[in-house]
PDB file of all heavy atoms in Angstrom:
ATOM      1  N   GLN A   1       0.850  -1.183  -0.055  1.00  0.00           N
ATOM      2  CA  GLN A   1      -0.035   0.003  -0.029  1.00  0.00           C
ATOM      3  C   GLN A   1       0.868   1.208  -0.012  1.00  0.00           C
ATOM      4  O   GLN A   1       1.198   1.802   1.064  1.00  0.00           O
ATOM      5  CB  GLN A   1      -0.930  -0.028   1.239  1.00  0.00           C
ATOM      6  CG  GLN A   1      -1.897  -1.155   1.263  1.00  0.00           C
ATOM      7  CD  GLN A   1      -2.898  -1.163   0.157  1.00  0.00           C
ATOM      8  OE1 GLN A   1      -3.257  -0.020  -0.353  1.00  0.00           O
ATOM      9  NE2 GLN A   1      -3.383  -2.321  -0.268  1.00  0.00           N
ATOM     10  N   GLN A   2       1.230   1.695  -1.159  1.00  0.00           N
ATOM     11  CA  GLN A   2       2.177   2.815  -1.316  1.00  0.00           C
ATOM     12  C   GLN A   2       1.536   4.099  -0.752  1.00  0.00           C
ATOM     13  O   GLN A   2       2.245   5.049  -0.297  1.00  0.00           O
ATOM     14  CB  GLN A   2       2.544   3.041  -2.783  1.00  0.00           C
ATOM     15  CG  GLN A   2       3.215   1.813  -3.428  1.00  0.00           C
ATOM     16  CD  GLN A   2       4.558   1.568  -2.821  1.00  0.00           C
ATOM     17  OE1 GLN A   2       5.353   2.425  -2.573  1.00  0.00           O
ATOM     18  NE2 GLN A   2       4.792   0.244  -2.606  1.00  0.00           N
ATOM     19  N   ASP A   3       0.214   4.195  -0.747  1.00  0.00           N
ATOM     20  CA  ASP A   3      -0.455   5.449  -0.280  1.00  0.00           C
ATOM     21  C   ASP A   3      -0.325   5.519   1.278  1.00  0.00           C
ATOM     22  O   ASP A   3      -0.686   6.612   1.796  1.00  0.00           O
ATOM     23  CB  ASP A   3      -1.926   5.394  -0.642  1.00  0.00           C
ATOM     24  CG  ASP A   3      -2.134   5.639  -2.147  1.00  0.00           C
ATOM     25  OD1 ASP A   3      -1.090   6.048  -2.812  1.00  0.00           O
ATOM     26  OD2 ASP A   3      -3.181   5.351  -2.689  1.00  0.00           O
ATOM     27  N   ASN A   4       0.108   4.525   1.949  1.00  0.00           N
ATOM     28  CA  ASN A   4       0.231   4.588   3.404  1.00  0.00           C
ATOM     29  C   ASN A   4       1.690   4.913   3.866  1.00  0.00           C
ATOM     30  O   ASN A   4       2.017   4.833   5.063  1.00  0.00           O
ATOM     31  CB  ASN A   4      -0.190   3.241   4.038  1.00  0.00           C
ATOM     32  CG  ASN A   4      -1.693   3.100   4.029  1.00  0.00           C
ATOM     33  OD1 ASN A   4      -2.438   4.025   3.882  1.00  0.00           O
ATOM     34  ND2 ASN A   4      -2.127   1.842   4.108  1.00  0.00           N
ATOM     35  N   ARG A   5       2.538   5.208   2.946  1.00  0.00           N
ATOM     36  CA  ARG A   5       3.912   5.510   3.285  1.00  0.00           C
ATOM     37  C   ARG A   5       4.010   6.961   3.877  1.00  0.00           C
ATOM     38  O   ARG A   5       3.067   7.763   3.685  1.00  0.00           O
ATOM     39  CB  ARG A   5       4.876   5.348   2.130  1.00  0.00           C
ATOM     40  CG  ARG A   5       5.011   3.887   1.738  1.00  0.00           C
ATOM     41  CD  ARG A   5       6.198   3.663   0.812  1.00  0.00           C
ATOM     42  NE  ARG A   5       6.476   2.248   0.731  1.00  0.00           N
ATOM     43  CZ  ARG A   5       7.520   1.806   0.062  1.00  0.00           C
ATOM     44  NH1 ARG A   5       8.354   2.584  -0.590  1.00  0.00           N
ATOM     45  NH2 ARG A   5       7.818   0.443  -0.037  1.00  0.00           N
ATOM     46  N   THR A   6       5.151   7.248   4.484  1.00  0.00           N
ATOM     47  CA  THR A   6       5.308   8.519   5.095  1.00  0.00           C
ATOM     48  C   THR A   6       6.288   9.418   4.379  1.00  0.00           C
ATOM     49  O   THR A   6       6.981   8.975   3.401  1.00  0.00           O
ATOM     50  CB  THR A   6       5.728   8.322   6.595  1.00  0.00           C
ATOM     51  OG1 THR A   6       6.911   7.527   6.635  1.00  0.00           O
ATOM     52  CG2 THR A   6       4.642   7.655   7.405  1.00  0.00           C
ATOM     53  N   LEU A   7       6.537  10.611   4.830  1.00  0.00           N
ATOM     54  CA  LEU A   7       7.394  11.524   4.154  1.00  0.00           C
ATOM     55  C   LEU A   7       8.874  11.052   3.971  1.00  0.00           C
ATOM     56  O   LEU A   7       9.494  11.280   2.967  1.00  0.00           O
ATOM     57  CB  LEU A   7       7.346  12.911   4.834  1.00  0.00           C
ATOM     58  CG  LEU A   7       6.154  13.810   4.474  1.00  0.00           C
ATOM     59  CD1 LEU A   7       6.286  15.099   5.330  1.00  0.00           C
ATOM     60  CD2 LEU A   7       6.135  14.151   2.957  1.00  0.00           C
ATOM     61  N   PRO A   8       9.423  10.429   5.032  1.00  0.00           N
ATOM     62  CA  PRO A   8      10.844   9.996   4.860  1.00  0.00           C
ATOM     63  C   PRO A   8      11.010   9.039   3.634  1.00  0.00           C
ATOM     64  O   PRO A   8      12.002   9.098   2.904  1.00  0.00           O
ATOM     65  CB  PRO A   8      11.167   9.294   6.106  1.00  0.00           C
ATOM     66  CG  PRO A   8      10.369   9.969   7.162  1.00  0.00           C
ATOM     67  CD  PRO A   8       9.046  10.291   6.392  1.00  0.00           C
ATOM     68  N   VAL A   9      10.006   8.188   3.394  1.00  0.00           N
ATOM     69  CA  VAL A   9      10.039   7.269   2.286  1.00  0.00           C
ATOM     70  C   VAL A   9       9.798   8.015   0.969  1.00  0.00           C
ATOM     71  O   VAL A   9      10.468   7.778  -0.022  1.00  0.00           O
ATOM     72  CB  VAL A   9       9.038   6.129   2.453  1.00  0.00           C
ATOM     73  CG1 VAL A   9       9.066   5.145   1.259  1.00  0.00           C
ATOM     74  CG2 VAL A   9       9.248   5.336   3.727  1.00  0.00           C
ATOM     75  N   TRP A  10       8.909   9.014   1.046  1.00  0.00           N
ATOM     76  CA  TRP A  10       8.582   9.839  -0.109  1.00  0.00           C
ATOM     77  C   TRP A  10       9.883  10.564  -0.644  1.00  0.00           C
ATOM     78  O   TRP A  10      10.070  10.775  -1.807  1.00  0.00           O
ATOM     79  CB  TRP A  10       7.503  10.792   0.229  1.00  0.00           C
ATOM     80  CG  TRP A  10       7.296  11.926  -0.752  1.00  0.00           C
ATOM     81  CD1 TRP A  10       6.625  11.756  -1.896  1.00  0.00           C
ATOM     82  CD2 TRP A  10       7.669  13.267  -0.604  1.00  0.00           C
ATOM     83  NE1 TRP A  10       6.576  13.040  -2.528  1.00  0.00           N
ATOM     84  CE2 TRP A  10       7.234  13.942  -1.779  1.00  0.00           C
ATOM     85  CE3 TRP A  10       8.341  14.010   0.332  1.00  0.00           C
ATOM     86  CZ2 TRP A  10       7.383  15.282  -1.955  1.00  0.00           C
ATOM     87  CZ3 TRP A  10       8.517  15.288   0.201  1.00  0.00           C
ATOM     88  CH2 TRP A  10       8.055  15.956  -0.982  1.00  0.00           C
ATOM     89  N   LEU A  11      10.774  10.960   0.316  1.00  0.00           N
ATOM     90  CA  LEU A  11      11.983  11.691  -0.037  1.00  0.00           C
ATOM     91  C   LEU A  11      12.866  10.863  -0.967  1.00  0.00           C
ATOM     92  O   LEU A  11      13.669  11.467  -1.769  1.00  0.00           O
ATOM     93  CB  LEU A  11      12.772  12.074   1.173  1.00  0.00           C
ATOM     94  CG  LEU A  11      12.230  13.239   1.965  1.00  0.00           C
ATOM     95  CD1 LEU A  11      13.058  13.428   3.284  1.00  0.00           C
ATOM     96  CD2 LEU A  11      12.202  14.519   1.178  1.00  0.00           C
ATOM     97  N   SER A  12      12.787   9.533  -0.931  1.00  0.00           N
ATOM     98  CA  SER A  12      13.681   8.692  -1.782  1.00  0.00           C
ATOM     99  C   SER A  12      13.079   8.580  -3.159  1.00  0.00           C
ATOM    100  O   SER A  12      13.681   7.819  -4.008  1.00  0.00           O
ATOM    101  CB  SER A  12      13.813   7.327  -1.155  1.00  0.00           C
ATOM    102  OG  SER A  12      12.612   6.673  -1.083  1.00  0.00           O
ATOM    103  N   SER A  13      11.991   9.218  -3.539  1.00  0.00           N
ATOM    104  CA  SER A  13      11.338   9.007  -4.769  1.00  0.00           C
ATOM    105  C   SER A  13      11.772   9.985  -5.883  1.00  0.00           C
ATOM    106  O   SER A  13      11.267   9.928  -7.004  1.00  0.00           O
ATOM    107  CB  SER A  13       9.825   9.056  -4.608  1.00  0.00           C
ATOM    108  OG  SER A  13       9.414  10.399  -4.205  1.00  0.00           O
ATOM    109  N   PHE A  14      12.675  10.918  -5.559  1.00  0.00           N
ATOM    110  CA  PHE A  14      13.017  11.944  -6.474  1.00  0.00           C
ATOM    111  C   PHE A  14      14.068  11.386  -7.456  1.00  0.00           C
ATOM    112  O   PHE A  14      15.298  11.588  -7.123  1.00  0.00           O
ATOM    113  CB  PHE A  14      13.431  13.285  -5.776  1.00  0.00           C
ATOM    114  CG  PHE A  14      12.312  13.976  -5.145  1.00  0.00           C
ATOM    115  CD1 PHE A  14      11.984  13.837  -3.872  1.00  0.00           C
ATOM    116  CD2 PHE A  14      11.531  14.783  -5.981  1.00  0.00           C
ATOM    117  CE1 PHE A  14      10.892  14.478  -3.332  1.00  0.00           C
ATOM    118  CE2 PHE A  14      10.446  15.497  -5.384  1.00  0.00           C
ATOM    119  CZ  PHE A  14      10.128  15.339  -4.078  1.00  0.00           C
ATOM    120  N   GLN A  15      13.700  10.830  -8.483  1.00  0.00           N
ATOM    121  CA  GLN A  15      14.600  10.277  -9.473  1.00  0.00           C
ATOM    122  C   GLN A  15      14.256  10.859 -10.880  1.00  0.00           C
ATOM    123  O   GLN A  15      13.132  11.224 -11.132  1.00  0.00           O
ATOM    124  CB  GLN A  15      14.465   8.764  -9.554  1.00  0.00           C
ATOM    125  CG  GLN A  15      14.745   8.011  -8.221  1.00  0.00           C
ATOM    126  CD  GLN A  15      16.285   8.070  -7.872  1.00  0.00           C
ATOM    127  OE1 GLN A  15      17.134   8.015  -8.741  1.00  0.00           O
ATOM    128  NE2 GLN A  15      16.559   8.038  -6.577  1.00  0.00           N
ATOM    129  N   ASN A  16      15.306  11.026 -11.689  1.00  0.00           N
ATOM    130  CA  ASN A  16      15.076  11.419 -13.075  1.00  0.00           C
ATOM    131  C   ASN A  16      15.907  10.511 -13.962  1.00  0.00           C
ATOM    132  O   ASN A  16      16.502   9.465 -13.499  1.00  0.00           O
ATOM    133  CB  ASN A  16      15.425  12.899 -13.277  1.00  0.00           C
ATOM    134  CG  ASN A  16      16.881  13.191 -12.835  1.00  0.00           C
ATOM    135  OD1 ASN A  16      17.745  12.369 -12.932  1.00  0.00           O
ATOM    136  ND2 ASN A  16      17.063  14.438 -12.403  1.00  0.00           N
ATOM    137  N   THR A  17      16.024  10.784 -15.216  1.00  0.00           N
ATOM    138  CA  THR A  17      16.764   9.920 -16.209  1.00  0.00           C
ATOM    139  C   THR A  17      18.212   9.898 -15.892  1.00  0.00           C
ATOM    140  O   THR A  17      18.957   8.988 -16.364  1.00  0.00           O
ATOM    141  CB  THR A  17      16.505  10.412 -17.612  1.00  0.00           C
ATOM    142  OG1 THR A  17      16.877  11.822 -17.718  1.00  0.00           O
ATOM    143  CG2 THR A  17      14.989  10.273 -18.019  1.00  0.00           C
ATOM    144  N   PHE A  18      18.741  10.832 -15.153  1.00  0.00           N
ATOM    145  CA  PHE A  18      20.139  10.900 -14.835  1.00  0.00           C
ATOM    146  C   PHE A  18      20.504  10.376 -13.452  1.00  0.00           C
ATOM    147  O   PHE A  18      21.651  10.442 -12.964  1.00  0.00           O
ATOM    148  CB  PHE A  18      20.687  12.289 -15.045  1.00  0.00           C
ATOM    149  CG  PHE A  18      20.481  12.888 -16.357  1.00  0.00           C
ATOM    150  CD1 PHE A  18      19.353  13.750 -16.555  1.00  0.00           C
ATOM    151  CD2 PHE A  18      21.267  12.556 -17.409  1.00  0.00           C
ATOM    152  CE1 PHE A  18      19.173  14.305 -17.864  1.00  0.00           C
ATOM    153  CE2 PHE A  18      21.061  13.096 -18.644  1.00  0.00           C
ATOM    154  CZ  PHE A  18      19.978  13.946 -18.926  1.00  0.00           C
ATOM    155  N   GLY A  19      19.487   9.896 -12.684  1.00  0.00           N
ATOM    156  CA  GLY A  19      19.717   9.384 -11.355  1.00  0.00           C
ATOM    157  C   GLY A  19      18.925  10.226 -10.387  1.00  0.00           C
ATOM    158  O   GLY A  19      17.774  10.660 -10.614  1.00  0.00           O
ATOM    159  N   THR A  20      19.527  10.517  -9.235  1.00  0.00           N
ATOM    160  CA  THR A  20      18.835  11.277  -8.173  1.00  0.00           C
ATOM    161  C   THR A  20      18.683  12.746  -8.582  1.00  0.00           C
ATOM    162  O   THR A  20      19.652  13.401  -9.009  1.00  0.00           O
ATOM    163  CB  THR A  20      19.568  11.232  -6.865  1.00  0.00           C
ATOM    164  OG1 THR A  20      19.764   9.828  -6.459  1.00  0.00           O
ATOM    165  CG2 THR A  20      18.846  11.954  -5.724  1.00  0.00           C
ATOM    166  N   ASP A  21      17.480  13.250  -8.382  1.00  0.00           N
ATOM    167  CA  ASP A  21      17.233  14.691  -8.642  1.00  0.00           C
ATOM    168  C   ASP A  21      17.593  15.434  -7.418  1.00  0.00           C
ATOM    169  O   ASP A  21      16.800  15.670  -6.513  1.00  0.00           O
ATOM    170  CB  ASP A  21      15.718  14.857  -9.026  1.00  0.00           C
ATOM    171  CG  ASP A  21      15.425  16.331  -9.437  1.00  0.00           C
ATOM    172  OD1 ASP A  21      16.268  17.166  -9.267  1.00  0.00           O
ATOM    173  OD2 ASP A  21      14.353  16.541  -9.967  1.00  0.00           O
ATOM    174  N   TRP A  22      18.846  15.851  -7.285  1.00  0.00           N
ATOM    175  CA  TRP A  22      19.364  16.478  -6.109  1.00  0.00           C
ATOM    176  C   TRP A  22      18.664  17.782  -5.765  1.00  0.00           C
ATOM    177  O   TRP A  22      18.416  18.109  -4.570  1.00  0.00           O
ATOM    178  CB  TRP A  22      20.864  16.669  -6.184  1.00  0.00           C
ATOM    179  CG  TRP A  22      21.689  15.446  -6.214  1.00  0.00           C
ATOM    180  CD1 TRP A  22      22.379  14.911  -7.200  1.00  0.00           C
ATOM    181  CD2 TRP A  22      21.756  14.464  -5.070  1.00  0.00           C
ATOM    182  NE1 TRP A  22      22.946  13.669  -6.897  1.00  0.00           N
ATOM    183  CE2 TRP A  22      22.598  13.408  -5.578  1.00  0.00           C
ATOM    184  CE3 TRP A  22      21.325  14.457  -3.813  1.00  0.00           C
ATOM    185  CZ2 TRP A  22      22.906  12.342  -4.776  1.00  0.00           C
ATOM    186  CZ3 TRP A  22      21.574  13.335  -3.028  1.00  0.00           C
ATOM    187  CH2 TRP A  22      22.355  12.315  -3.485  1.00  0.00           C
ATOM    188  N   ALA A  23      18.276  18.521  -6.673  1.00  0.00           N
ATOM    189  CA  ALA A  23      17.680  19.823  -6.446  1.00  0.00           C
ATOM    190  C   ALA A  23      16.287  19.657  -5.789  1.00  0.00           C
ATOM    191  O   ALA A  23      16.026  20.188  -4.757  1.00  0.00           O
ATOM    192  CB  ALA A  23      17.486  20.609  -7.840  1.00  0.00           C
ATOM    193  N   ALA A  24      15.475  18.709  -6.339  1.00  0.00           N
ATOM    194  CA  ALA A  24      14.197  18.522  -5.735  1.00  0.00           C
ATOM    195  C   ALA A  24      14.334  17.763  -4.392  1.00  0.00           C
ATOM    196  O   ALA A  24      13.550  18.024  -3.450  1.00  0.00           O
ATOM    197  CB  ALA A  24      13.317  17.637  -6.703  1.00  0.00           C
ATOM    198  N   THR A  25      15.292  16.901  -4.321  1.00  0.00           N
ATOM    199  CA  THR A  25      15.570  16.205  -3.015  1.00  0.00           C
ATOM    200  C   THR A  25      15.894  17.178  -1.928  1.00  0.00           C
ATOM    201  O   THR A  25      15.426  17.075  -0.749  1.00  0.00           O
ATOM    202  CB  THR A  25      16.621  15.158  -3.205  1.00  0.00           C
ATOM    203  OG1 THR A  25      16.250  14.224  -4.170  1.00  0.00           O
ATOM    204  CG2 THR A  25      16.868  14.430  -1.841  1.00  0.00           C
ATOM    205  N   MET A  26      16.771  18.137  -2.211  1.00  0.00           N
ATOM    206  CA  MET A  26      17.180  19.070  -1.169  1.00  0.00           C
ATOM    207  C   MET A  26      15.947  20.046  -0.848  1.00  0.00           C
ATOM    208  O   MET A  26      15.768  20.382   0.317  1.00  0.00           O
ATOM    209  CB  MET A  26      18.351  19.942  -1.691  1.00  0.00           C
ATOM    210  CG  MET A  26      19.617  19.203  -1.927  1.00  0.00           C
ATOM    211  SD  MET A  26      20.280  18.489  -0.321  1.00  0.00           S
ATOM    212  CE  MET A  26      19.822  16.712  -0.541  1.00  0.00           C
ATOM    213  N   ALA A  27      15.243  20.413  -1.805  1.00  0.00           N
ATOM    214  CA  ALA A  27      14.011  21.250  -1.554  1.00  0.00           C
ATOM    215  C   ALA A  27      12.995  20.494  -0.712  1.00  0.00           C
ATOM    216  O   ALA A  27      12.501  21.034   0.286  1.00  0.00           O
ATOM    217  CB  ALA A  27      13.403  21.736  -2.871  1.00  0.00           C
ATOM    218  N   ALA A  28      12.748  19.209  -1.053  1.00  0.00           N
ATOM    219  CA  ALA A  28      11.834  18.415  -0.304  1.00  0.00           C
ATOM    220  C   ALA A  28      12.388  18.164   1.157  1.00  0.00           C
ATOM    221  O   ALA A  28      11.623  18.182   2.106  1.00  0.00           O
ATOM    222  CB  ALA A  28      11.620  17.064  -0.978  1.00  0.00           C
ATOM    223  N   SER A  29      13.657  17.993   1.260  1.00  0.00           N
ATOM    224  CA  SER A  29      14.242  17.763   2.613  1.00  0.00           C
ATOM    225  C   SER A  29      14.093  19.044   3.443  1.00  0.00           C
ATOM    226  O   SER A  29      13.867  18.951   4.657  1.00  0.00           O
ATOM    227  CB  SER A  29      15.722  17.417   2.461  1.00  0.00           C
ATOM    228  OG  SER A  29      15.889  16.221   1.748  1.00  0.00           O
ATOM    229  N   THR A  30      14.272  20.201   2.884  1.00  0.00           N
ATOM    230  CA  THR A  30      14.096  21.420   3.555  1.00  0.00           C
ATOM    231  C   THR A  30      12.604  21.611   4.055  1.00  0.00           C
ATOM    232  O   THR A  30      12.406  21.985   5.215  1.00  0.00           O
ATOM    233  CB  THR A  30      14.441  22.640   2.687  1.00  0.00           C
ATOM    234  OG1 THR A  30      15.808  22.480   2.283  1.00  0.00           O
ATOM    235  CG2 THR A  30      14.317  23.891   3.434  1.00  0.00           C
ATOM    236  N   LEU A  31      11.657  21.262   3.183  1.00  0.00           N
ATOM    237  CA  LEU A  31      10.280  21.292   3.604  1.00  0.00           C
ATOM    238  C   LEU A  31      10.023  20.272   4.732  1.00  0.00           C
ATOM    239  O   LEU A  31       9.222  20.546   5.604  1.00  0.00           O
ATOM    240  CB  LEU A  31       9.345  20.988   2.410  1.00  0.00           C
ATOM    241  CG  LEU A  31       9.413  22.069   1.287  1.00  0.00           C
ATOM    242  CD1 LEU A  31       8.569  21.637   0.078  1.00  0.00           C
ATOM    243  CD2 LEU A  31       8.867  23.421   1.815  1.00  0.00           C
ATOM    244  N   PHE A  32      10.603  19.151   4.584  1.00  0.00           N
ATOM    245  CA  PHE A  32      10.425  18.087   5.596  1.00  0.00           C
ATOM    246  C   PHE A  32      10.943  18.470   6.925  1.00  0.00           C
ATOM    247  O   PHE A  32      10.385  18.114   8.005  1.00  0.00           O
ATOM    248  CB  PHE A  32      11.173  16.824   5.092  1.00  0.00           C
ATOM    249  CG  PHE A  32      11.154  15.681   6.036  1.00  0.00           C
ATOM    250  CD1 PHE A  32       9.965  14.895   6.259  1.00  0.00           C
ATOM    251  CD2 PHE A  32      12.283  15.320   6.808  1.00  0.00           C
ATOM    252  CE1 PHE A  32       9.992  13.917   7.152  1.00  0.00           C
ATOM    253  CE2 PHE A  32      12.307  14.320   7.671  1.00  0.00           C
ATOM    254  CZ  PHE A  32      11.114  13.583   7.900  1.00  0.00           C
ATOM    255  N   ALA A  33      12.079  19.276   6.989  1.00  0.00           N
ATOM    256  CA  ALA A  33      12.626  19.624   8.230  1.00  0.00           C
ATOM    257  C   ALA A  33      11.917  20.766   8.974  1.00  0.00           C
ATOM    258  O   ALA A  33      12.069  20.985  10.186  1.00  0.00           O
ATOM    259  CB  ALA A  33      14.118  20.077   8.031  1.00  0.00           C
TER     260      ALA A  33
END
C-alpha cells in the first residue's frame, strides 16, 4: 500500500533519467525539516 507511506520514504522518490534529482531532493528535505 504505497499510499500509506510517510514523508521519509517519499523523499527517496526523486529520481530522473540521470539518477537522483538532487535539487528536488534538497528542496523536499528542507520542507520536511
